[in-house]
N, C-alpha and C. Protein backbone atom coordinates (compact mmCIF):
# COMPACT_ATOMS: atom_id res chain seq x y z
N UNK A 1 -113.77 54.29 -48.44
CA UNK A 1 -113.06 54.25 -47.33
C UNK A 1 -112.32 53.03 -47.19
N UNK A 2 -111.14 53.01 -46.64
CA UNK A 2 -110.44 51.58 -46.54
C UNK A 2 -111.19 50.83 -45.55
N UNK A 3 -111.01 49.46 -45.66
CA UNK A 3 -111.52 48.64 -44.49
C UNK A 3 -110.49 48.17 -43.72
N UNK A 4 -110.68 47.62 -42.55
CA UNK A 4 -109.63 47.32 -41.62
C UNK A 4 -110.18 45.93 -40.78
N UNK A 5 -109.17 45.46 -40.13
CA UNK A 5 -109.44 44.38 -39.06
C UNK A 5 -109.81 43.32 -40.00
N UNK A 6 -110.69 42.41 -39.33
CA UNK A 6 -111.18 41.16 -39.75
C UNK A 6 -112.02 41.42 -41.11
N UNK A 7 -112.53 42.34 -41.38
CA UNK A 7 -113.20 42.71 -42.79
C UNK A 7 -112.14 42.65 -43.78
N UNK A 8 -110.95 43.45 -43.55
CA UNK A 8 -109.88 43.33 -44.47
C UNK A 8 -109.18 41.99 -44.77
N UNK A 9 -109.11 41.26 -43.56
CA UNK A 9 -108.63 39.97 -43.52
C UNK A 9 -109.31 38.89 -44.40
N UNK A 10 -110.91 39.09 -44.09
CA UNK A 10 -111.62 38.06 -44.98
C UNK A 10 -111.52 38.65 -46.38
N UNK A 11 -111.54 39.85 -46.77
CA UNK A 11 -111.36 40.21 -48.03
C UNK A 11 -110.00 39.81 -48.74
N UNK A 12 -108.87 39.75 -48.16
CA UNK A 12 -107.69 39.01 -48.43
C UNK A 12 -107.95 37.71 -48.68
N UNK A 13 -108.62 36.96 -47.89
CA UNK A 13 -108.80 35.75 -48.04
C UNK A 13 -109.61 35.33 -49.36
N UNK A 14 -110.72 35.99 -49.42
CA UNK A 14 -111.50 36.07 -50.58
C UNK A 14 -110.95 35.93 -51.94
N UNK A 15 -109.98 37.08 -51.87
CA UNK A 15 -109.16 37.36 -52.99
C UNK A 15 -108.08 36.18 -53.59
N UNK A 16 -107.70 35.60 -52.33
CA UNK A 16 -106.68 34.45 -52.60
C UNK A 16 -107.52 33.34 -52.93
N UNK A 17 -108.88 33.12 -52.52
CA UNK A 17 -109.55 32.08 -52.86
C UNK A 17 -109.87 32.13 -54.36
N UNK A 18 -110.19 33.33 -54.76
CA UNK A 18 -110.55 33.54 -56.25
C UNK A 18 -109.31 32.95 -57.01
N UNK A 19 -108.16 33.18 -56.82
CA UNK A 19 -106.93 32.82 -57.52
C UNK A 19 -106.51 31.19 -57.16
N UNK A 20 -107.39 30.55 -56.50
CA UNK A 20 -107.26 29.38 -56.12
C UNK A 20 -105.92 28.87 -55.26
N UNK A 21 -105.60 29.95 -54.43
CA UNK A 21 -104.83 29.80 -53.39
C UNK A 21 -105.18 28.37 -52.47
N UNK A 22 -104.27 27.71 -51.71
CA UNK A 22 -104.50 26.63 -51.23
C UNK A 22 -104.36 26.79 -49.59
N UNK A 23 -105.37 25.97 -48.99
CA UNK A 23 -105.24 26.07 -47.53
C UNK A 23 -105.13 27.27 -46.82
N UNK A 24 -106.19 28.11 -47.00
CA UNK A 24 -106.36 29.61 -46.75
C UNK A 24 -106.84 29.50 -45.25
N UNK A 25 -106.07 30.12 -44.36
CA UNK A 25 -106.39 30.35 -43.01
C UNK A 25 -106.43 31.81 -42.67
N UNK A 26 -107.42 32.22 -41.72
CA UNK A 26 -107.40 33.60 -41.34
C UNK A 26 -107.43 33.37 -39.63
N UNK A 27 -106.35 33.97 -39.07
CA UNK A 27 -106.33 34.00 -37.67
C UNK A 27 -106.29 35.15 -36.96
N UNK A 28 -107.16 35.05 -36.01
CA UNK A 28 -107.20 36.38 -35.10
C UNK A 28 -106.22 36.42 -33.94
N UNK A 29 -105.19 37.34 -34.09
CA UNK A 29 -104.23 37.60 -33.20
C UNK A 29 -104.35 38.84 -32.16
N UNK A 30 -105.49 39.35 -32.22
CA UNK A 30 -105.69 40.34 -31.18
C UNK A 30 -105.50 40.02 -29.82
N UNK A 31 -104.72 40.86 -29.18
CA UNK A 31 -104.39 40.34 -27.88
C UNK A 31 -103.29 39.40 -27.57
N UNK A 32 -102.77 38.97 -28.69
CA UNK A 32 -101.79 37.79 -28.59
C UNK A 32 -100.43 38.40 -29.21
N UNK A 33 -100.67 39.17 -30.31
CA UNK A 33 -99.48 39.69 -31.02
C UNK A 33 -99.49 41.27 -30.93
N UNK A 34 -98.33 41.87 -31.00
CA UNK A 34 -98.30 43.26 -31.03
C UNK A 34 -97.98 43.69 -32.62
N UNK A 35 -97.69 42.73 -33.58
CA UNK A 35 -97.15 42.73 -34.75
C UNK A 35 -98.38 43.23 -35.63
N UNK A 36 -99.64 42.54 -35.39
CA UNK A 36 -100.74 42.57 -36.22
C UNK A 36 -101.91 42.11 -35.50
N UNK A 37 -103.12 42.44 -36.06
CA UNK A 37 -104.48 41.85 -35.55
C UNK A 37 -104.83 40.61 -36.07
N UNK A 38 -104.77 40.53 -37.37
CA UNK A 38 -105.01 39.36 -38.13
C UNK A 38 -104.04 38.88 -39.10
N UNK A 39 -103.94 37.42 -39.18
CA UNK A 39 -102.87 36.85 -40.09
C UNK A 39 -103.77 36.08 -41.24
N UNK A 40 -103.44 36.30 -42.54
CA UNK A 40 -104.11 35.41 -43.51
C UNK A 40 -102.69 34.41 -44.06
N UNK A 41 -103.05 33.27 -43.96
CA UNK A 41 -101.82 32.37 -44.48
C UNK A 41 -102.53 31.59 -45.69
N UNK A 42 -101.80 31.54 -46.70
CA UNK A 42 -102.17 30.59 -47.68
C UNK A 42 -101.10 30.25 -48.69
N UNK A 43 -101.32 29.31 -49.24
CA UNK A 43 -100.24 28.43 -50.35
C UNK A 43 -100.36 28.52 -51.72
N UNK A 44 -99.38 28.50 -52.30
CA UNK A 44 -99.52 28.45 -53.89
C UNK A 44 -98.46 26.96 -54.02
N UNK A 45 -98.83 26.45 -55.22
CA UNK A 45 -98.23 25.19 -55.39
C UNK A 45 -96.82 25.18 -56.54
N UNK A 46 -96.48 26.38 -57.04
CA UNK A 46 -95.48 26.72 -57.96
C UNK A 46 -95.36 28.00 -57.97
N UNK A 47 -94.06 28.46 -58.43
CA UNK A 47 -93.76 29.74 -58.77
C UNK A 47 -94.69 30.58 -59.52
N UNK A 48 -95.28 30.09 -60.65
CA UNK A 48 -96.20 31.00 -61.42
C UNK A 48 -97.71 31.07 -60.50
N UNK A 49 -97.94 30.16 -59.76
CA UNK A 49 -99.05 30.29 -58.89
C UNK A 49 -98.86 31.35 -57.80
N UNK A 50 -97.79 31.16 -56.99
CA UNK A 50 -97.33 32.09 -56.03
C UNK A 50 -97.46 33.62 -56.49
N UNK A 51 -96.82 33.78 -57.89
CA UNK A 51 -96.78 35.19 -58.52
C UNK A 51 -98.33 35.68 -58.67
N UNK A 52 -99.32 34.60 -59.09
CA UNK A 52 -100.42 34.81 -59.39
C UNK A 52 -101.34 35.20 -58.18
N UNK A 53 -101.07 34.68 -57.20
CA UNK A 53 -101.66 34.86 -55.91
C UNK A 53 -101.41 36.08 -55.44
N UNK A 54 -100.00 36.42 -55.42
CA UNK A 54 -99.51 37.74 -54.90
C UNK A 54 -100.18 38.93 -55.76
N UNK A 55 -100.12 38.94 -57.02
CA UNK A 55 -100.81 39.82 -58.01
C UNK A 55 -101.95 39.99 -57.71
N UNK A 56 -102.90 39.08 -57.61
CA UNK A 56 -104.23 39.12 -57.48
C UNK A 56 -104.69 39.58 -56.10
N UNK A 57 -104.08 39.04 -55.12
CA UNK A 57 -104.51 39.47 -53.70
C UNK A 57 -104.38 40.88 -53.68
N UNK A 58 -103.27 41.52 -53.95
CA UNK A 58 -102.98 42.87 -54.18
C UNK A 58 -103.87 43.81 -54.96
N UNK A 59 -104.03 43.18 -56.07
CA UNK A 59 -104.88 43.93 -57.03
C UNK A 59 -106.47 44.02 -56.56
N UNK A 60 -106.91 42.70 -56.25
CA UNK A 60 -108.38 42.70 -55.76
C UNK A 60 -108.79 43.25 -54.40
N UNK A 61 -107.70 43.25 -53.49
CA UNK A 61 -108.02 43.94 -52.40
C UNK A 61 -107.96 45.64 -52.67
N UNK A 62 -107.28 45.92 -53.48
CA UNK A 62 -107.13 47.39 -53.64
C UNK A 62 -108.48 47.68 -54.62
N UNK A 63 -108.91 46.92 -55.45
CA UNK A 63 -110.05 47.25 -56.27
C UNK A 63 -111.29 47.30 -55.37
N UNK A 64 -111.39 46.17 -54.55
CA UNK A 64 -112.55 46.02 -53.77
C UNK A 64 -112.55 47.13 -52.57
N UNK A 65 -111.53 47.48 -51.92
CA UNK A 65 -111.43 48.42 -50.88
C UNK A 65 -110.61 49.56 -50.76
N UNK A 66 -109.86 49.87 -51.82
CA UNK A 66 -108.96 50.91 -51.91
C UNK A 66 -107.80 51.07 -51.06
N UNK A 67 -107.58 49.79 -50.40
CA UNK A 67 -106.52 49.56 -49.57
C UNK A 67 -105.31 48.81 -49.93
N UNK A 68 -103.92 49.67 -50.00
CA UNK A 68 -102.78 48.88 -50.57
C UNK A 68 -102.03 48.55 -49.43
N UNK A 69 -101.11 47.64 -49.54
CA UNK A 69 -100.38 47.08 -48.40
C UNK A 69 -99.26 48.15 -48.16
N UNK A 70 -98.65 48.53 -46.89
CA UNK A 70 -97.78 49.40 -46.48
C UNK A 70 -96.47 48.80 -46.97
N UNK A 71 -96.23 47.58 -46.84
CA UNK A 71 -95.02 46.88 -47.33
C UNK A 71 -95.19 45.39 -47.88
N UNK A 72 -94.32 45.07 -48.81
CA UNK A 72 -94.28 43.87 -49.28
C UNK A 72 -92.81 43.43 -49.13
N UNK A 73 -92.79 42.18 -48.53
CA UNK A 73 -91.63 41.51 -47.94
C UNK A 73 -91.57 40.40 -48.74
N UNK A 74 -90.22 39.96 -49.44
CA UNK A 74 -90.07 38.82 -50.09
C UNK A 74 -90.49 38.97 -51.60
N UNK A 75 -90.12 37.91 -52.43
CA UNK A 75 -90.52 37.60 -53.70
C UNK A 75 -91.17 36.27 -53.87
N UNK A 76 -92.00 36.11 -54.88
CA UNK A 76 -92.33 34.78 -55.30
C UNK A 76 -91.30 33.84 -55.30
N UNK A 77 -90.20 34.09 -56.02
CA UNK A 77 -88.90 33.19 -56.14
C UNK A 77 -88.12 32.89 -54.72
N UNK A 78 -88.70 33.77 -53.75
CA UNK A 78 -88.15 33.29 -52.52
C UNK A 78 -89.14 32.22 -51.68
N UNK A 79 -90.20 31.97 -52.39
CA UNK A 79 -91.27 30.86 -51.93
C UNK A 79 -91.95 31.52 -50.61
N UNK A 80 -91.87 32.83 -50.15
CA UNK A 80 -92.66 33.14 -49.15
C UNK A 80 -92.84 34.90 -49.33
N UNK A 81 -93.77 35.20 -49.29
CA UNK A 81 -94.17 36.66 -49.62
C UNK A 81 -94.99 37.32 -48.57
N UNK A 82 -94.71 38.19 -47.85
CA UNK A 82 -95.75 38.82 -46.90
C UNK A 82 -96.36 40.40 -47.33
N UNK A 83 -97.59 40.27 -47.59
CA UNK A 83 -98.25 41.47 -47.79
C UNK A 83 -98.47 42.14 -46.46
N UNK A 84 -98.27 43.44 -46.01
CA UNK A 84 -98.37 44.05 -44.79
C UNK A 84 -99.24 45.12 -44.79
N UNK A 85 -100.54 44.91 -44.45
CA UNK A 85 -101.54 45.94 -44.46
C UNK A 85 -101.77 46.63 -42.94
N UNK A 86 -100.59 46.47 -42.11
CA UNK A 86 -100.55 47.01 -40.64
C UNK A 86 -101.53 46.00 -39.78
N UNK A 87 -102.80 46.17 -39.90
CA UNK A 87 -103.58 45.21 -38.76
C UNK A 87 -103.69 43.95 -39.66
N UNK A 88 -103.43 43.74 -40.76
CA UNK A 88 -103.45 42.34 -41.47
C UNK A 88 -102.09 41.99 -42.07
N UNK A 89 -101.58 40.90 -41.97
CA UNK A 89 -100.39 40.22 -42.53
C UNK A 89 -100.94 39.06 -43.48
N UNK A 90 -100.68 39.20 -44.62
CA UNK A 90 -100.97 38.06 -45.62
C UNK A 90 -99.61 37.42 -46.01
N UNK A 91 -99.61 36.19 -45.57
CA UNK A 91 -98.47 35.24 -45.92
C UNK A 91 -98.77 34.49 -46.96
N UNK A 92 -98.09 34.45 -48.08
CA UNK A 92 -98.28 33.66 -49.38
C UNK A 92 -96.91 32.81 -49.50
N UNK A 93 -97.25 31.57 -49.26
CA UNK A 93 -95.93 30.58 -49.24
C UNK A 93 -96.15 29.48 -49.97
N UNK A 94 -94.90 28.97 -50.38
CA UNK A 94 -94.99 27.66 -51.13
C UNK A 94 -95.16 26.63 -50.00
N UNK A 95 -95.91 25.69 -50.32
CA UNK A 95 -96.24 24.49 -49.31
C UNK A 95 -95.05 23.98 -48.52
N UNK A 96 -93.95 23.78 -49.10
CA UNK A 96 -92.83 23.42 -48.16
C UNK A 96 -92.28 24.20 -47.31
N UNK A 97 -92.38 25.62 -47.72
CA UNK A 97 -91.89 26.71 -46.59
C UNK A 97 -93.15 26.59 -45.39
N UNK A 98 -94.10 26.56 -45.93
CA UNK A 98 -95.19 26.67 -44.80
C UNK A 98 -95.03 25.36 -43.93
N UNK A 99 -94.82 24.22 -44.52
CA UNK A 99 -94.36 23.13 -43.77
C UNK A 99 -93.33 23.27 -42.69
N UNK A 100 -92.47 23.87 -43.22
CA UNK A 100 -90.95 24.12 -42.70
C UNK A 100 -91.25 25.28 -41.34
N UNK A 101 -92.05 26.06 -41.52
CA UNK A 101 -91.83 27.37 -40.65
C UNK A 101 -93.23 27.18 -39.68
N UNK A 102 -94.12 26.43 -40.11
CA UNK A 102 -95.36 26.08 -39.24
C UNK A 102 -95.98 27.32 -38.65
N UNK A 103 -96.32 28.39 -39.31
CA UNK A 103 -96.89 29.58 -38.73
C UNK A 103 -98.12 29.37 -38.18
N UNK A 104 -98.97 28.26 -38.40
CA UNK A 104 -100.39 28.02 -37.62
C UNK A 104 -99.84 27.41 -36.38
N UNK A 105 -98.83 26.48 -36.05
CA UNK A 105 -98.38 26.03 -34.77
C UNK A 105 -97.90 27.10 -33.97
N UNK A 106 -97.12 28.03 -34.55
CA UNK A 106 -96.48 29.14 -33.84
C UNK A 106 -97.55 30.10 -33.16
N UNK A 107 -98.71 30.27 -33.89
CA UNK A 107 -99.80 30.99 -33.41
C UNK A 107 -100.76 30.01 -33.05
N UNK A 108 -100.60 29.14 -32.30
CA UNK A 108 -101.49 28.05 -32.15
C UNK A 108 -102.68 28.57 -31.23
N UNK A 109 -102.35 29.64 -30.37
CA UNK A 109 -103.33 29.90 -29.57
C UNK A 109 -104.29 31.09 -30.03
N UNK A 110 -103.95 31.39 -31.35
CA UNK A 110 -104.99 32.34 -32.19
C UNK A 110 -106.24 31.68 -32.37
N UNK A 111 -107.48 32.49 -32.40
CA UNK A 111 -108.59 32.18 -32.75
C UNK A 111 -108.78 31.94 -34.29
N UNK A 112 -109.03 30.85 -34.88
CA UNK A 112 -109.18 30.74 -36.44
C UNK A 112 -110.70 31.28 -36.81
N UNK A 113 -110.62 32.30 -37.52
CA UNK A 113 -111.69 33.05 -38.07
C UNK A 113 -112.25 32.43 -39.20
N UNK A 114 -111.28 31.86 -40.06
CA UNK A 114 -111.74 31.42 -41.43
C UNK A 114 -110.64 30.19 -41.69
N UNK A 115 -111.34 28.82 -42.16
CA UNK A 115 -110.40 27.78 -42.68
C UNK A 115 -110.79 26.66 -41.85
N UNK A 116 -110.04 25.63 -42.10
CA UNK A 116 -110.25 24.29 -41.37
C UNK A 116 -109.60 24.36 -40.05
N UNK A 117 -110.26 23.85 -39.07
CA UNK A 117 -109.47 23.78 -38.03
C UNK A 117 -108.82 22.26 -37.49
């Protein structure tokens, strides 16, 4: 049975951690956003690393939970990819893009479920 919500978000974060994604954050957006309930944000340091994080998060989450993203937006060479699991959105970003767009600041009122505050 597929998992949802915080459990799925934490599973995505665990998969990202296993492939050594950097600066992983899980934000609880329930009651703040109509887009999604949880957001996972992580960074990769190079194109090969971004591709590996994307590949492994998608594969491991499916292996562990049977859940596939409804949509995937972007490609690793655009330096920002989003895996959309409906109630969880996973943003895999090159650090430069992450610094530029500041998603953590944009969602600053969200509760930090996992990651450094």
